[in-house]
Amino acid sequence: MTDVTDTLYLTVQHPRPGLAIATVAGDVDMRTAETLRRDASMIIERGRPHLVLDLSQVGFCDSAGLSALIGLWHAAQAVGGALGLANVPDRLMRMLVLTGVDTILPVHATTSEAVTTMIADEPTSAGPQGSATV
């Protein structure tokens, strides 16, 4: 039997201005989805509109979690940013594909790939490119 936890952790890195990587640890379900939505939205609202969610430590995700991810995508888009998913567990990837959400949320094999894609997609007026340490 799988242990169910009410705890969700986000560990955040800021590799460059305007970009954050948040490693999500725990289950993303009806008990924790609002925590993810709130905490990740704060990252976006505080000047990091480009957000990569590293989901490698997510054990389970239900429809509430999926809704939170879609909401975060909308929040990032609303401020001219982007949301990318990285290291998506197989079970969650199947859910994204079955629901068609993988067609709107960019999914990357690694955080490095997600960061590289976001940097490449930034408008050139954003200023000088710096190196990203992941």
C-alpha atoms as a PDB file:
ATOM      1  CA  MET A   1       0.000   0.000   0.000  1.00  0.00           C
ATOM      2  CA  THR A   2       1.230   3.494  -0.829  1.00  0.00           C
ATOM      3  CA  ASP A   3       1.709   5.952   2.010  1.00  0.00           C
ATOM      4  CA  VAL A   4      -0.425   9.063   1.589  1.00  0.00           C
ATOM      5  CA  THR A   5       1.022  12.295   2.851  1.00  0.00           C
ATOM      6  CA  ASP A   6      -0.415  15.752   3.278  1.00  0.00           C
ATOM      7  CA  THR A   7       3.022  17.278   2.832  1.00  0.00           C
ATOM      8  CA  LEU A   8       4.351  18.779  -0.356  1.00  0.00           C
ATOM      9  CA  TYR A   9       7.725  20.473  -0.594  1.00  0.00           C
ATOM     10  CA  LEU A  10       9.111  22.853  -3.187  1.00  0.00           C
ATOM     11  CA  THR A  11      12.850  23.444  -3.335  1.00  0.00           C
ATOM     12  CA  VAL A  12      13.611  26.442  -5.516  1.00  0.00           C
ATOM     13  CA  GLN A  13      16.724  27.401  -7.483  1.00  0.00           C
ATOM     14  CA  HIS A  14      17.205  30.689  -9.345  1.00  0.00           C
ATOM     15  CA  PRO A  15      19.740  29.979 -12.122  1.00  0.00           C
ATOM     16  CA  ARG A  16      19.189  33.329 -13.862  1.00  0.00           C
ATOM     17  CA  PRO A  17      16.952  36.409 -13.630  1.00  0.00           C
ATOM     18  CA  GLY A  18      13.341  35.687 -14.496  1.00  0.00           C
ATOM     19  CA  LEU A  19      13.769  31.909 -14.279  1.00  0.00           C
ATOM     20  CA  ALA A  20      13.252  29.474 -11.422  1.00  0.00           C
ATOM     21  CA  ILE A  21      13.479  25.719 -11.063  1.00  0.00           C
ATOM     22  CA  ALA A  22      11.199  24.252  -8.400  1.00  0.00           C
ATOM     23  CA  THR A  23      11.702  20.637  -7.408  1.00  0.00           C
ATOM     24  CA  VAL A  24       8.368  19.266  -6.229  1.00  0.00           C
ATOM     25  CA  ALA A  25       8.536  16.486  -3.621  1.00  0.00           C
ATOM     26  CA  GLY A  26       5.519  14.544  -2.401  1.00  0.00           C
ATOM     27  CA  ASP A  27       2.095  13.636  -3.721  1.00  0.00           C
ATOM     28  CA  VAL A  28       0.170  16.257  -5.704  1.00  0.00           C
ATOM     29  CA  ASP A  29      -3.445  15.493  -4.917  1.00  0.00           C
ATOM     30  CA  MET A  30      -6.591  17.043  -3.477  1.00  0.00           C
ATOM     31  CA  ARG A  31      -4.779  17.545  -0.152  1.00  0.00           C
ATOM     32  CA  THR A  32      -1.693  19.272  -1.562  1.00  0.00           C
ATOM     33  CA  ALA A  33      -2.599  20.729  -4.977  1.00  0.00           C
ATOM     34  CA  GLU A  34      -3.500  24.109  -3.511  1.00  0.00           C
ATOM     35  CA  THR A  35      -0.090  24.268  -1.787  1.00  0.00           C
ATOM     36  CA  LEU A  36       1.608  23.692  -5.142  1.00  0.00           C
ATOM     37  CA  ARG A  37      -0.583  26.271  -6.852  1.00  0.00           C
ATOM     38  CA  ARG A  38      -0.033  28.879  -4.119  1.00  0.00           C
ATOM     39  CA  ASP A  39       3.717  28.412  -3.699  1.00  0.00           C
ATOM     40  CA  ALA A  40       4.530  28.174  -7.407  1.00  0.00           C
ATOM     41  CA  SER A  41       2.274  31.152  -8.181  1.00  0.00           C
ATOM     42  CA  MET A  42       4.250  33.203  -5.663  1.00  0.00           C
ATOM     43  CA  ILE A  43       7.462  32.336  -7.522  1.00  0.00           C
ATOM     44  CA  ILE A  44       5.909  33.537 -10.788  1.00  0.00           C
ATOM     45  CA  GLU A  45       4.442  36.700  -9.230  1.00  0.00           C
ATOM     46  CA  ARG A  46       7.752  37.615  -7.566  1.00  0.00           C
ATOM     47  CA  GLY A  47       9.594  38.100 -10.829  1.00  0.00           C
ATOM     48  CA  ARG A  48      10.315  34.553 -12.019  1.00  0.00           C
ATOM     49  CA  PRO A  49       7.708  34.182 -14.783  1.00  0.00           C
ATOM     50  CA  HIS A  50       9.647  31.341 -16.422  1.00  0.00           C
ATOM     51  CA  LEU A  51       9.245  28.317 -14.167  1.00  0.00           C
ATOM     52  CA  VAL A  52      10.478  24.758 -14.561  1.00  0.00           C
ATOM     53  CA  LEU A  53       8.833  22.190 -12.301  1.00  0.00           C
ATOM     54  CA  ASP A  54      11.114  19.210 -11.659  1.00  0.00           C
ATOM     55  CA  LEU A  55       8.627  16.434 -10.910  1.00  0.00           C
ATOM     56  CA  SER A  56      11.148  13.632 -10.323  1.00  0.00           C
ATOM     57  CA  GLN A  57      10.157  13.380  -6.659  1.00  0.00           C
ATOM     58  CA  VAL A  58       6.384  13.311  -7.192  1.00  0.00           C
ATOM     59  CA  GLY A  59       4.965   9.968  -6.126  1.00  0.00           C
ATOM     60  CA  PHE A  60       1.359  10.498  -7.179  1.00  0.00           C
ATOM     61  CA  CYS A  61      -0.726  13.103  -8.986  1.00  0.00           C
ATOM     62  CA  ASP A  62      -4.514  13.144  -9.297  1.00  0.00           C
ATOM     63  CA  SER A  63      -6.926  15.400 -11.180  1.00  0.00           C
ATOM     64  CA  ALA A  64      -6.550  18.161  -8.573  1.00  0.00           C
ATOM     65  CA  GLY A  65      -2.807  18.101  -9.175  1.00  0.00           C
ATOM     66  CA  LEU A  66      -3.341  18.183 -12.919  1.00  0.00           C
ATOM     67  CA  SER A  67      -5.645  21.167 -12.476  1.00  0.00           C
ATOM     68  CA  ALA A  68      -2.955  22.924 -10.411  1.00  0.00           C
ATOM     69  CA  LEU A  69      -0.396  22.386 -13.196  1.00  0.00           C
ATOM     70  CA  ILE A  70      -2.777  23.822 -15.790  1.00  0.00           C
ATOM     71  CA  GLY A  71      -3.516  26.779 -13.500  1.00  0.00           C
ATOM     72  CA  LEU A  72       0.203  27.463 -13.133  1.00  0.00           C
ATOM     73  CA  TRP A  73       0.632  27.334 -16.897  1.00  0.00           C
ATOM     74  CA  HIS A  74      -2.106  29.988 -17.208  1.00  0.00           C
ATOM     75  CA  ALA A  75      -0.500  32.101 -14.451  1.00  0.00           C
ATOM     76  CA  ALA A  76       2.887  32.050 -16.197  1.00  0.00           C
ATOM     77  CA  GLN A  77       1.315  32.842 -19.590  1.00  0.00           C
ATOM     78  CA  ALA A  78      -0.600  35.772 -18.070  1.00  0.00           C
ATOM     79  CA  VAL A  79       2.654  37.536 -17.143  1.00  0.00           C
ATOM     80  CA  GLY A  80       4.511  36.710 -20.351  1.00  0.00           C
ATOM     81  CA  GLY A  81       6.279  33.702 -18.892  1.00  0.00           C
ATOM     82  CA  ALA A  82       6.217  29.983 -19.413  1.00  0.00           C
ATOM     83  CA  LEU A  83       5.844  26.783 -17.446  1.00  0.00           C
ATOM     84  CA  GLY A  84       7.841  23.678 -18.284  1.00  0.00           C
ATOM     85  CA  LEU A  85       7.746  20.227 -16.719  1.00  0.00           C
ATOM     86  CA  ALA A  86      10.865  18.118 -16.297  1.00  0.00           C
ATOM     87  CA  ASN A  87      11.653  14.607 -15.094  1.00  0.00           C
ATOM     88  CA  VAL A  88       7.996  13.619 -15.241  1.00  0.00           C
ATOM     89  CA  PRO A  89       7.360  10.180 -13.664  1.00  0.00           C
ATOM     90  CA  ASP A  90       5.886   7.557 -16.020  1.00  0.00           C
ATOM     91  CA  ARG A  91       2.516   7.402 -14.257  1.00  0.00           C
ATOM     92  CA  LEU A  92       2.065  11.174 -14.444  1.00  0.00           C
ATOM     93  CA  MET A  93       3.251  11.233 -18.060  1.00  0.00           C
ATOM     94  CA  ARG A  94       0.566   8.695 -18.958  1.00  0.00           C
ATOM     95  CA  MET A  95      -2.033  10.969 -17.333  1.00  0.00           C
ATOM     96  CA  LEU A  96      -0.749  13.985 -19.274  1.00  0.00           C
ATOM     97  CA  VAL A  97      -0.930  12.065 -22.556  1.00  0.00           C
ATOM     98  CA  LEU A  98      -4.367  10.531 -21.897  1.00  0.00           C
ATOM     99  CA  THR A  99      -5.852  13.919 -21.037  1.00  0.00           C
ATOM    100  CA  GLY A 100      -4.069  15.760 -23.852  1.00  0.00           C
ATOM    101  CA  VAL A 101      -2.414  18.113 -21.385  1.00  0.00           C
ATOM    102  CA  ASP A 102       0.988  17.171 -22.828  1.00  0.00           C
ATOM    103  CA  THR A 103      -0.017  19.189 -25.902  1.00  0.00           C
ATOM    104  CA  ILE A 104      -0.137  22.459 -23.921  1.00  0.00           C
ATOM    105  CA  LEU A 105       2.392  21.891 -21.134  1.00  0.00           C
ATOM    106  CA  PRO A 106       5.939  21.490 -22.447  1.00  0.00           C
ATOM    107  CA  VAL A 107       7.452  18.276 -21.071  1.00  0.00           C
ATOM    108  CA  HIS A 108      11.236  17.807 -20.975  1.00  0.00           C
ATOM    109  CA  ALA A 109      13.382  14.806 -20.115  1.00  0.00           C
ATOM    110  CA  THR A 110      15.631  16.842 -17.795  1.00  0.00           C
ATOM    111  CA  THR A 111      15.702  20.188 -16.015  1.00  0.00           C
ATOM    112  CA  SER A 112      18.729  21.160 -18.118  1.00  0.00           C
ATOM    113  CA  GLU A 113      16.740  20.575 -21.297  1.00  0.00           C
ATOM    114  CA  ALA A 114      13.812  22.604 -19.934  1.00  0.00           C
ATOM    115  CA  VAL A 115      16.085  25.498 -18.938  1.00  0.00           C
ATOM    116  CA  THR A 116      17.841  25.463 -22.316  1.00  0.00           C
ATOM    117  CA  THR A 117      14.485  25.550 -24.112  1.00  0.00           C
ATOM    118  CA  MET A 118      13.183  28.415 -21.977  1.00  0.00           C
ATOM    119  CA  ILE A 119      16.357  30.436 -22.508  1.00  0.00           C
ATOM    120  CA  ALA A 120      16.171  29.835 -26.269  1.00  0.00           C
ATOM    121  CA  ASP A 121      12.516  30.921 -26.301  1.00  0.00           C
ATOM    122  CA  GLU A 122      13.164  34.196 -24.423  1.00  0.00           C
ATOM    123  CA  PRO A 123      12.771  37.379 -26.460  1.00  0.00           C
ATOM    124  CA  THR A 124      16.149  38.871 -27.390  1.00  0.00           C
ATOM    125  CA  SER A 125      15.161  42.135 -25.692  1.00  0.00           C
ATOM    126  CA  ALA A 126      15.393  40.369 -22.320  1.00  0.00           C
ATOM    127  CA  GLY A 127      19.058  41.333 -22.068  1.00  0.00           C
ATOM    128  CA  PRO A 128      22.333  39.468 -22.159  1.00  0.00           C
ATOM    129  CA  GLN A 129      22.316  35.703 -21.927  1.00  0.00           C
ATOM    130  CA  GLY A 130      23.998  34.229 -18.855  1.00  0.00           C
ATOM    131  CA  SER A 131      24.985  30.677 -18.143  1.00  0.00           C
ATOM    132  CA  ALA A 132      22.488  28.496 -16.318  1.00  0.00           C
ATOM    133  CA  THR A 133      23.747  26.272 -13.563  1.00  0.00           C
ATOM    134  CA  VAL A 134      21.412  23.411 -12.847  1.00  0.00           C
END
